[in-house]
């Protein structure tokens, strides 16, 4: 199954989120086992998206969570709270969370276990910085991040863990797209080490490069940023990616 999703970061009000979902109803969305689509709204829009998307083959995620079940963690959200809202998956380990909020590999691992314990899917982001790539440490970095994130998680549960390879230098407004050859090389190493986990690629994915990326043998999905923040852009990438997959 091919995964295609987008995280909205700190964007979209509830009306904007509702408008995005309404546009999806005008399209013939693919369904499992061909593909699984998902969106990851900000916390404030999760319930709106879940309600408006009823009947669509669309999973809903959250952008962060705390590993503890409850307690004195002001400003945090538990997995149980997200499950109550109807979330299907939770994004953790994004490079912005690591760089701006000090999220460690140990914290990502604790969150992944808490997410799995409640029957949700962790979407674990991994990726090297430009400096790490320039000194030849890209493979070592992403393999270490994935290994630490999955530590202590049995192979049977790892099937529910989505790994999203997002090179830090390739994401964000100033990011530069990775070449399909570079993505293929890293994904091959990850697939060899973690064959149970679906592997998604994210990092300046766009309508221009999605077909080439989707056709790579060890890419099990695409995790899209700003190119999919408008529903029309999201649908365009979905169509092109699945068309490329069908030609394999």
C-alpha atoms as a PDB file:
ATOM      1  CA  UNK A   1       0.000   0.000   0.000  1.00  0.00           C
ATOM      2  CA  UNK A   2       1.252   3.494  -0.874  1.00  0.00           C
ATOM      3  CA  UNK A   3       0.924   6.230   1.753  1.00  0.00           C
ATOM      4  CA  UNK A   4       0.367   9.878   0.806  1.00  0.00           C
ATOM      5  CA  UNK A   5      -0.093  12.551   3.438  1.00  0.00           C
ATOM      6  CA  UNK A   6       0.558  16.123   4.427  1.00  0.00           C
ATOM      7  CA  UNK A   7       1.236  17.952   7.685  1.00  0.00           C
ATOM      8  CA  UNK A   8      -0.067  21.504   7.906  1.00  0.00           C
ATOM      9  CA  UNK A   9       2.343  22.594  10.651  1.00  0.00           C
ATOM     10  CA  UNK A  10       1.033  25.763  12.393  1.00  0.00           C
ATOM     11  CA  UNK A  11      -1.339  26.625   9.564  1.00  0.00           C
ATOM     12  CA  UNK A  12      -5.092  26.581   8.848  1.00  0.00           C
ATOM     13  CA  UNK A  13      -7.958  27.729  11.006  1.00  0.00           C
ATOM     14  CA  UNK A  14     -10.950  25.448  11.441  1.00  0.00           C
ATOM     15  CA  UNK A  15     -12.851  27.044   8.512  1.00  0.00           C
ATOM     16  CA  UNK A  16      -9.778  26.687   6.299  1.00  0.00           C
ATOM     17  CA  UNK A  17      -9.382  23.055   7.337  1.00  0.00           C
ATOM     18  CA  UNK A  18     -13.053  22.389   6.623  1.00  0.00           C
ATOM     19  CA  UNK A  19     -12.722  23.941   3.163  1.00  0.00           C
ATOM     20  CA  UNK A  20      -9.756  21.679   2.390  1.00  0.00           C
ATOM     21  CA  UNK A  21     -11.762  18.579   3.288  1.00  0.00           C
ATOM     22  CA  UNK A  22     -14.837  19.733   1.363  1.00  0.00           C
ATOM     23  CA  UNK A  23     -12.748  19.925  -1.802  1.00  0.00           C
ATOM     24  CA  UNK A  24     -11.700  16.299  -1.371  1.00  0.00           C
ATOM     25  CA  UNK A  25     -15.320  15.207  -1.684  1.00  0.00           C
ATOM     26  CA  UNK A  26     -15.263  16.383  -5.308  1.00  0.00           C
ATOM     27  CA  UNK A  27     -12.563  13.851  -6.203  1.00  0.00           C
ATOM     28  CA  UNK A  28     -12.571  10.084  -6.534  1.00  0.00           C
ATOM     29  CA  UNK A  29     -10.056   9.353  -3.795  1.00  0.00           C
ATOM     30  CA  UNK A  30      -8.053   6.120  -3.899  1.00  0.00           C
ATOM     31  CA  UNK A  31      -8.720   3.615  -1.150  1.00  0.00           C
ATOM     32  CA  UNK A  32      -6.718   0.856   0.529  1.00  0.00           C
ATOM     33  CA  UNK A  33      -5.077  -1.359  -0.544  1.00  0.00           C
ATOM     34  CA  UNK A  34      -4.117   0.891  -3.473  1.00  0.00           C
ATOM     35  CA  UNK A  35      -3.283   3.854  -1.274  1.00  0.00           C
ATOM     36  CA  UNK A  36      -3.859   5.376   2.139  1.00  0.00           C
ATOM     37  CA  UNK A  37      -4.246   9.145   2.351  1.00  0.00           C
ATOM     38  CA  UNK A  38      -3.800  11.157   5.551  1.00  0.00           C
ATOM     39  CA  UNK A  39      -3.669  14.741   6.785  1.00  0.00           C
ATOM     40  CA  UNK A  40      -2.040  16.058   9.950  1.00  0.00           C
ATOM     41  CA  UNK A  41      -3.778  19.275  11.072  1.00  0.00           C
ATOM     42  CA  UNK A  42      -2.914  21.480  14.055  1.00  0.00           C
ATOM     43  CA  UNK A  43      -4.555  20.372  17.308  1.00  0.00           C
ATOM     44  CA  UNK A  44      -7.313  22.971  17.018  1.00  0.00           C
ATOM     45  CA  UNK A  45      -8.537  21.614  13.672  1.00  0.00           C
ATOM     46  CA  UNK A  46      -8.378  17.864  14.342  1.00  0.00           C
ATOM     47  CA  UNK A  47     -11.995  17.485  15.425  1.00  0.00           C
ATOM     48  CA  UNK A  48     -13.252  19.637  12.545  1.00  0.00           C
ATOM     49  CA  UNK A  49     -11.312  17.609   9.978  1.00  0.00           C
ATOM     50  CA  UNK A  50     -12.432  14.319  11.508  1.00  0.00           C
ATOM     51  CA  UNK A  51     -16.088  15.337  11.418  1.00  0.00           C
ATOM     52  CA  UNK A  52     -15.991  16.831   7.917  1.00  0.00           C
ATOM     53  CA  UNK A  53     -14.037  13.859   6.511  1.00  0.00           C
ATOM     54  CA  UNK A  54     -16.601  11.262   7.609  1.00  0.00           C
ATOM     55  CA  UNK A  55     -17.036   8.862   4.716  1.00  0.00           C
ATOM     56  CA  UNK A  56     -13.713   9.702   3.081  1.00  0.00           C
ATOM     57  CA  UNK A  57     -10.827   7.186   2.953  1.00  0.00           C
ATOM     58  CA  UNK A  58      -8.689   9.625   4.934  1.00  0.00           C
ATOM     59  CA  UNK A  59      -6.730   9.106   8.140  1.00  0.00           C
ATOM     60  CA  UNK A  60      -6.271  11.988  10.573  1.00  0.00           C
ATOM     61  CA  UNK A  61      -3.092  12.648  12.518  1.00  0.00           C
ATOM     62  CA  UNK A  62      -1.680  14.968  15.165  1.00  0.00           C
ATOM     63  CA  UNK A  63       1.645  16.804  15.062  1.00  0.00           C
ATOM     64  CA  UNK A  64       2.929  15.958  18.537  1.00  0.00           C
ATOM     65  CA  UNK A  65       2.057  14.208  21.788  1.00  0.00           C
ATOM     66  CA  UNK A  66       3.428  13.654  25.291  1.00  0.00           C
ATOM     67  CA  UNK A  67       4.480  10.152  26.309  1.00  0.00           C
ATOM     68  CA  UNK A  68       2.838  10.338  29.739  1.00  0.00           C
ATOM     69  CA  UNK A  69      -0.772   9.264  30.174  1.00  0.00           C
ATOM     70  CA  UNK A  70      -1.611  12.301  32.327  1.00  0.00           C
ATOM     71  CA  UNK A  71      -0.085  14.607  34.905  1.00  0.00           C
ATOM     72  CA  UNK A  72       1.484  17.998  35.528  1.00  0.00           C
ATOM     73  CA  UNK A  73       2.656  18.668  31.977  1.00  0.00           C
ATOM     74  CA  UNK A  74       1.198  22.086  31.245  1.00  0.00           C
ATOM     75  CA  UNK A  75       0.461  22.655  27.581  1.00  0.00           C
ATOM     76  CA  UNK A  76       0.853  19.005  26.587  1.00  0.00           C
ATOM     77  CA  UNK A  77      -1.548  16.474  25.036  1.00  0.00           C
ATOM     78  CA  UNK A  78      -1.758  12.743  25.803  1.00  0.00           C
ATOM     79  CA  UNK A  79      -2.298   9.905  23.344  1.00  0.00           C
ATOM     80  CA  UNK A  80      -5.620   9.084  25.009  1.00  0.00           C
ATOM     81  CA  UNK A  81      -6.816  12.633  24.332  1.00  0.00           C
ATOM     82  CA  UNK A  82      -5.886  12.307  20.668  1.00  0.00           C
ATOM     83  CA  UNK A  83      -7.529   8.902  20.419  1.00  0.00           C
ATOM     84  CA  UNK A  84     -10.709  10.396  21.863  1.00  0.00           C
ATOM     85  CA  UNK A  85     -10.698  12.946  19.028  1.00  0.00           C
ATOM     86  CA  UNK A  86     -10.466  10.109  16.514  1.00  0.00           C
ATOM     87  CA  UNK A  87      -6.817  10.455  15.533  1.00  0.00           C
ATOM     88  CA  UNK A  88      -5.326   7.548  13.632  1.00  0.00           C
ATOM     89  CA  UNK A  89      -1.640   8.495  13.742  1.00  0.00           C
ATOM     90  CA  UNK A  90       0.761  10.902  15.431  1.00  0.00           C
ATOM     91  CA  UNK A  91       3.763  12.644  13.890  1.00  0.00           C
ATOM     92  CA  UNK A  92       6.839  12.621  16.131  1.00  0.00           C
ATOM     93  CA  UNK A  93      10.524  13.436  15.796  1.00  0.00           C
ATOM     94  CA  UNK A  94      10.205  16.169  13.178  1.00  0.00           C
ATOM     95  CA  UNK A  95      13.464  18.076  12.742  1.00  0.00           C
ATOM     96  CA  UNK A  96      11.774  21.299  13.870  1.00  0.00           C
ATOM     97  CA  UNK A  97      10.715  19.601  17.102  1.00  0.00           C
ATOM     98  CA  UNK A  98      14.248  18.284  17.563  1.00  0.00           C
ATOM     99  CA  UNK A  99      15.954  21.619  16.828  1.00  0.00           C
ATOM    100  CA  UNK A 100      13.518  24.108  18.371  1.00  0.00           C
ATOM    101  CA  UNK A 101      12.085  22.143  21.289  1.00  0.00           C
ATOM    102  CA  UNK A 102      14.908  19.774  22.212  1.00  0.00           C
ATOM    103  CA  UNK A 103      13.096  16.567  21.310  1.00  0.00           C
ATOM    104  CA  UNK A 104      15.600  13.748  21.789  1.00  0.00           C
ATOM    105  CA  UNK A 105      15.769  10.258  20.324  1.00  0.00           C
ATOM    106  CA  UNK A 106      14.810   8.896  23.749  1.00  0.00           C
ATOM    107  CA  UNK A 107      11.730  11.127  23.824  1.00  0.00           C
ATOM    108  CA  UNK A 108      10.743   9.989  20.329  1.00  0.00           C
ATOM    109  CA  UNK A 109      11.043   6.370  21.448  1.00  0.00           C
ATOM    110  CA  UNK A 110       8.897   6.955  24.538  1.00  0.00           C
ATOM    111  CA  UNK A 111       6.268   8.703  22.441  1.00  0.00           C
ATOM    112  CA  UNK A 112       6.264   5.904  19.849  1.00  0.00           C
ATOM    113  CA  UNK A 113       5.616   3.303  22.547  1.00  0.00           C
ATOM    114  CA  UNK A 114       2.827   5.375  24.100  1.00  0.00           C
ATOM    115  CA  UNK A 115       1.204   5.845  20.690  1.00  0.00           C
ATOM    116  CA  UNK A 116       1.322   2.129  19.927  1.00  0.00           C
ATOM    117  CA  UNK A 117      -0.065   1.256  23.354  1.00  0.00           C
ATOM    118  CA  UNK A 118      -3.264   3.145  22.458  1.00  0.00           C
ATOM    119  CA  UNK A 119      -3.573   1.489  19.059  1.00  0.00           C
ATOM    120  CA  UNK A 120      -2.481   4.489  16.983  1.00  0.00           C
ATOM    121  CA  UNK A 121       0.338   4.674  14.436  1.00  0.00           C
ATOM    122  CA  UNK A 122       3.508   6.665  15.109  1.00  0.00           C
ATOM    123  CA  UNK A 123       4.794   8.611  12.111  1.00  0.00           C
ATOM    124  CA  UNK A 124       8.473   8.881  12.989  1.00  0.00           C
ATOM    125  CA  UNK A 125      10.459  11.579  11.184  1.00  0.00           C
ATOM    126  CA  UNK A 126      14.182  11.065  10.657  1.00  0.00           C
ATOM    127  CA  UNK A 127      16.758  12.917   8.592  1.00  0.00           C
ATOM    128  CA  UNK A 128      20.261  14.300   8.446  1.00  0.00           C
ATOM    129  CA  UNK A 129      21.387  17.928   8.399  1.00  0.00           C
ATOM    130  CA  UNK A 130      23.348  19.422   5.505  1.00  0.00           C
ATOM    131  CA  UNK A 131      26.506  19.256   7.621  1.00  0.00           C
ATOM    132  CA  UNK A 132      25.976  15.563   8.334  1.00  0.00           C
ATOM    133  CA  UNK A 133      25.421  14.834   4.654  1.00  0.00           C
ATOM    134  CA  UNK A 134      28.468  16.855   3.593  1.00  0.00           C
ATOM    135  CA  UNK A 135      30.726  14.823   5.866  1.00  0.00           C
ATOM    136  CA  UNK A 136      29.286  11.528   4.645  1.00  0.00           C
ATOM    137  CA  UNK A 137      27.244  10.732   7.755  1.00  0.00           C
ATOM    138  CA  UNK A 138      23.743  10.710   6.215  1.00  0.00           C
ATOM    139  CA  UNK A 139      23.260   6.952   6.357  1.00  0.00           C
ATOM    140  CA  UNK A 140      24.734   6.656   9.837  1.00  0.00           C
ATOM    141  CA  UNK A 141      22.510   9.461  11.124  1.00  0.00           C
ATOM    142  CA  UNK A 142      19.171   8.202   9.804  1.00  0.00           C
ATOM    143  CA  UNK A 143      19.888   4.594  10.756  1.00  0.00           C
ATOM    144  CA  UNK A 144      20.793   5.681  14.291  1.00  0.00           C
ATOM    145  CA  UNK A 145      17.684   7.838  14.615  1.00  0.00           C
ATOM    146  CA  UNK A 146      15.437   5.021  13.384  1.00  0.00           C
ATOM    147  CA  UNK A 147      17.097   2.414  15.587  1.00  0.00           C
ATOM    148  CA  UNK A 148      16.741   4.567  18.711  1.00  0.00           C
ATOM    149  CA  UNK A 149      13.147   5.508  17.876  1.00  0.00           C
ATOM    150  CA  UNK A 150      12.197   1.840  17.471  1.00  0.00           C
ATOM    151  CA  UNK A 151      14.223   0.495  20.415  1.00  0.00           C
ATOM    152  CA  UNK A 152      12.272  -2.034  22.450  1.00  0.00           C
ATOM    153  CA  UNK A 153       9.388  -2.182  19.966  1.00  0.00           C
ATOM    154  CA  UNK A 154       8.737  -5.771  18.791  1.00  0.00           C
ATOM    155  CA  UNK A 155       8.864  -6.506  15.068  1.00  0.00           C
ATOM    156  CA  UNK A 156       5.140  -7.237  15.014  1.00  0.00           C
ATOM    157  CA  UNK A 157       4.409  -3.716  16.279  1.00  0.00           C
ATOM    158  CA  UNK A 158       6.929  -2.119  13.951  1.00  0.00           C
ATOM    159  CA  UNK A 159       4.583  -2.856  11.062  1.00  0.00           C
ATOM    160  CA  UNK A 160       2.403  -0.057  12.449  1.00  0.00           C
ATOM    161  CA  UNK A 161       5.314   2.404  12.594  1.00  0.00           C
ATOM    162  CA  UNK A 162       5.668   4.739   9.622  1.00  0.00           C
ATOM    163  CA  UNK A 163       9.208   6.020   9.052  1.00  0.00           C
ATOM    164  CA  UNK A 164       9.384   9.337   7.191  1.00  0.00           C
ATOM    165  CA  UNK A 165      12.822  10.175   5.814  1.00  0.00           C
ATOM    166  CA  UNK A 166      12.990  13.971   5.687  1.00  0.00           C
ATOM    167  CA  UNK A 167      16.470  15.385   5.061  1.00  0.00           C
ATOM    168  CA  UNK A 168      16.670  18.554   7.140  1.00  0.00           C
ATOM    169  CA  UNK A 169      18.262  20.424   4.231  1.00  0.00           C
ATOM    170  CA  UNK A 170      15.363  19.471   1.934  1.00  0.00           C
ATOM    171  CA  UNK A 171      12.414  20.690   4.002  1.00  0.00           C
ATOM    172  CA  UNK A 172      10.910  24.099   4.592  1.00  0.00           C
ATOM    173  CA  UNK A 173      10.644  27.170   2.426  1.00  0.00           C
ATOM    174  CA  UNK A 174      14.358  27.255   1.663  1.00  0.00           C
ATOM    175  CA  UNK A 175      14.754  23.516   1.183  1.00  0.00           C
ATOM    176  CA  UNK A 176      16.255  22.024  -1.955  1.00  0.00           C
ATOM    177  CA  UNK A 177      14.787  18.791  -3.317  1.00  0.00           C
ATOM    178  CA  UNK A 178      16.811  15.625  -2.926  1.00  0.00           C
ATOM    179  CA  UNK A 179      17.481  13.789  -6.167  1.00  0.00           C
ATOM    180  CA  UNK A 180      15.639  10.503  -6.705  1.00  0.00           C
ATOM    181  CA  UNK A 181      19.028   8.756  -6.701  1.00  0.00           C
ATOM    182  CA  UNK A 182      19.897  10.165  -3.272  1.00  0.00           C
ATOM    183  CA  UNK A 183      16.480   9.196  -1.892  1.00  0.00           C
ATOM    184  CA  UNK A 184      16.758   5.701  -3.351  1.00  0.00           C
ATOM    185  CA  UNK A 185      20.142   5.178  -1.705  1.00  0.00           C
ATOM    186  CA  UNK A 186      18.975   6.149   1.778  1.00  0.00           C
ATOM    187  CA  UNK A 187      15.658   4.304   1.493  1.00  0.00           C
ATOM    188  CA  UNK A 188      17.431   1.124   0.406  1.00  0.00           C
ATOM    189  CA  UNK A 189      19.541   1.224   3.554  1.00  0.00           C
ATOM    190  CA  UNK A 190      16.504   1.867   5.733  1.00  0.00           C
ATOM    191  CA  UNK A 191      14.459  -0.880   4.079  1.00  0.00           C
ATOM    192  CA  UNK A 192      17.307  -3.343   4.597  1.00  0.00           C
ATOM    193  CA  UNK A 193      17.561  -2.456   8.295  1.00  0.00           C
ATOM    194  CA  UNK A 194      13.836  -2.032   9.027  1.00  0.00           C
ATOM    195  CA  UNK A 195      11.889  -4.145   6.515  1.00  0.00           C
ATOM    196  CA  UNK A 196       8.750  -4.170   8.681  1.00  0.00           C
ATOM    197  CA  UNK A 197       8.218  -0.401   8.540  1.00  0.00           C
ATOM    198  CA  UNK A 198       6.575   1.461   5.664  1.00  0.00           C
ATOM    199  CA  UNK A 199       9.077   4.089   4.471  1.00  0.00           C
ATOM    200  CA  UNK A 200       7.830   7.505   3.381  1.00  0.00           C
ATOM    201  CA  UNK A 201       9.884  10.252   1.791  1.00  0.00           C
ATOM    202  CA  UNK A 202       9.356  13.911   2.639  1.00  0.00           C
ATOM    203  CA  UNK A 203      11.372  16.948   1.690  1.00  0.00           C
ATOM    204  CA  UNK A 204      10.291  19.472  -0.965  1.00  0.00           C
ATOM    205  CA  UNK A 205       7.940  16.933  -2.539  1.00  0.00           C
ATOM    206  CA  UNK A 206       6.018  18.691  -5.304  1.00  0.00           C
ATOM    207  CA  UNK A 207       3.933  18.114  -8.411  1.00  0.00           C
ATOM    208  CA  UNK A 208       7.180  18.338 -10.376  1.00  0.00           C
ATOM    209  CA  UNK A 209       9.077  15.526  -8.625  1.00  0.00           C
ATOM    210  CA  UNK A 210       6.416  13.330  -6.992  1.00  0.00           C
ATOM    211  CA  UNK A 211       6.128  10.868  -9.882  1.00  0.00           C
ATOM    212  CA  UNK A 212       9.866  10.138  -9.939  1.00  0.00           C
ATOM    213  CA  UNK A 213       9.937   9.708  -6.162  1.00  0.00           C
ATOM    214  CA  UNK A 214       6.817   7.529  -6.036  1.00  0.00           C
ATOM    215  CA  UNK A 215       8.274   5.169  -8.626  1.00  0.00           C
ATOM    216  CA  UNK A 216      11.325   4.321  -6.494  1.00  0.00           C
ATOM    217  CA  UNK A 217      11.241   0.689  -5.299  1.00  0.00           C
ATOM    218  CA  UNK A 218      11.891   1.309  -1.587  1.00  0.00           C
ATOM    219  CA  UNK A 219       9.592   4.330  -1.252  1.00  0.00           C
ATOM    220  CA  UNK A 220       6.286   3.252   0.320  1.00  0.00           C
ATOM    221  CA  UNK A 221       4.779   6.723   0.463  1.00  0.00           C
ATOM    222  CA  UNK A 222       5.197  10.492   0.301  1.00  0.00           C
ATOM    223  CA  UNK A 223       4.937  12.956   3.194  1.00  0.00           C
ATOM    224  CA  UNK A 224       4.248  16.346   1.639  1.00  0.00           C
ATOM    225  CA  UNK A 225       4.632  19.852   2.966  1.00  0.00           C
ATOM    226  CA  UNK A 226       3.501  23.169   1.518  1.00  0.00           C
ATOM    227  CA  UNK A 227       2.889  21.751  -1.975  1.00  0.00           C
ATOM    228  CA  UNK A 228      -0.150  19.937  -0.542  1.00  0.00           C
ATOM    229  CA  UNK A 229      -1.529  22.629   1.761  1.00  0.00           C
ATOM    230  CA  UNK A 230      -4.140  23.449  -0.864  1.00  0.00           C
ATOM    231  CA  UNK A 231      -6.500  20.573  -1.607  1.00  0.00           C
ATOM    232  CA  UNK A 232      -6.003  20.936  -5.358  1.00  0.00           C
ATOM    233  CA  UNK A 233      -2.247  20.549  -4.959  1.00  0.00           C
ATOM    234  CA  UNK A 234      -2.716  17.536  -2.700  1.00  0.00           C
ATOM    235  CA  UNK A 235      -5.022  15.856  -5.215  1.00  0.00           C
ATOM    236  CA  UNK A 236      -2.642  16.590  -8.100  1.00  0.00           C
ATOM    237  CA  UNK A 237       0.236  14.914  -6.277  1.00  0.00           C
ATOM    238  CA  UNK A 238      -1.951  11.938  -5.348  1.00  0.00           C
ATOM    239  CA  UNK A 239      -2.980  11.448  -8.984  1.00  0.00           C
ATOM    240  CA  UNK A 240       0.525  11.783 -10.396  1.00  0.00           C
ATOM    241  CA  UNK A 241       2.116   9.556  -7.755  1.00  0.00           C
ATOM    242  CA  UNK A 242      -0.337   6.700  -8.159  1.00  0.00           C
ATOM    243  CA  UNK A 243      -0.119   6.947 -11.939  1.00  0.00           C
ATOM    244  CA  UNK A 244       3.656   6.569 -11.690  1.00  0.00           C
ATOM    245  CA  UNK A 245       3.240   3.575  -9.385  1.00  0.00           C
ATOM    246  CA  UNK A 246       0.837   1.893 -11.804  1.00  0.00           C
ATOM    247  CA  UNK A 247       3.401   2.114 -14.610  1.00  0.00           C
ATOM    248  CA  UNK A 248       6.002   0.123 -12.677  1.00  0.00           C
END
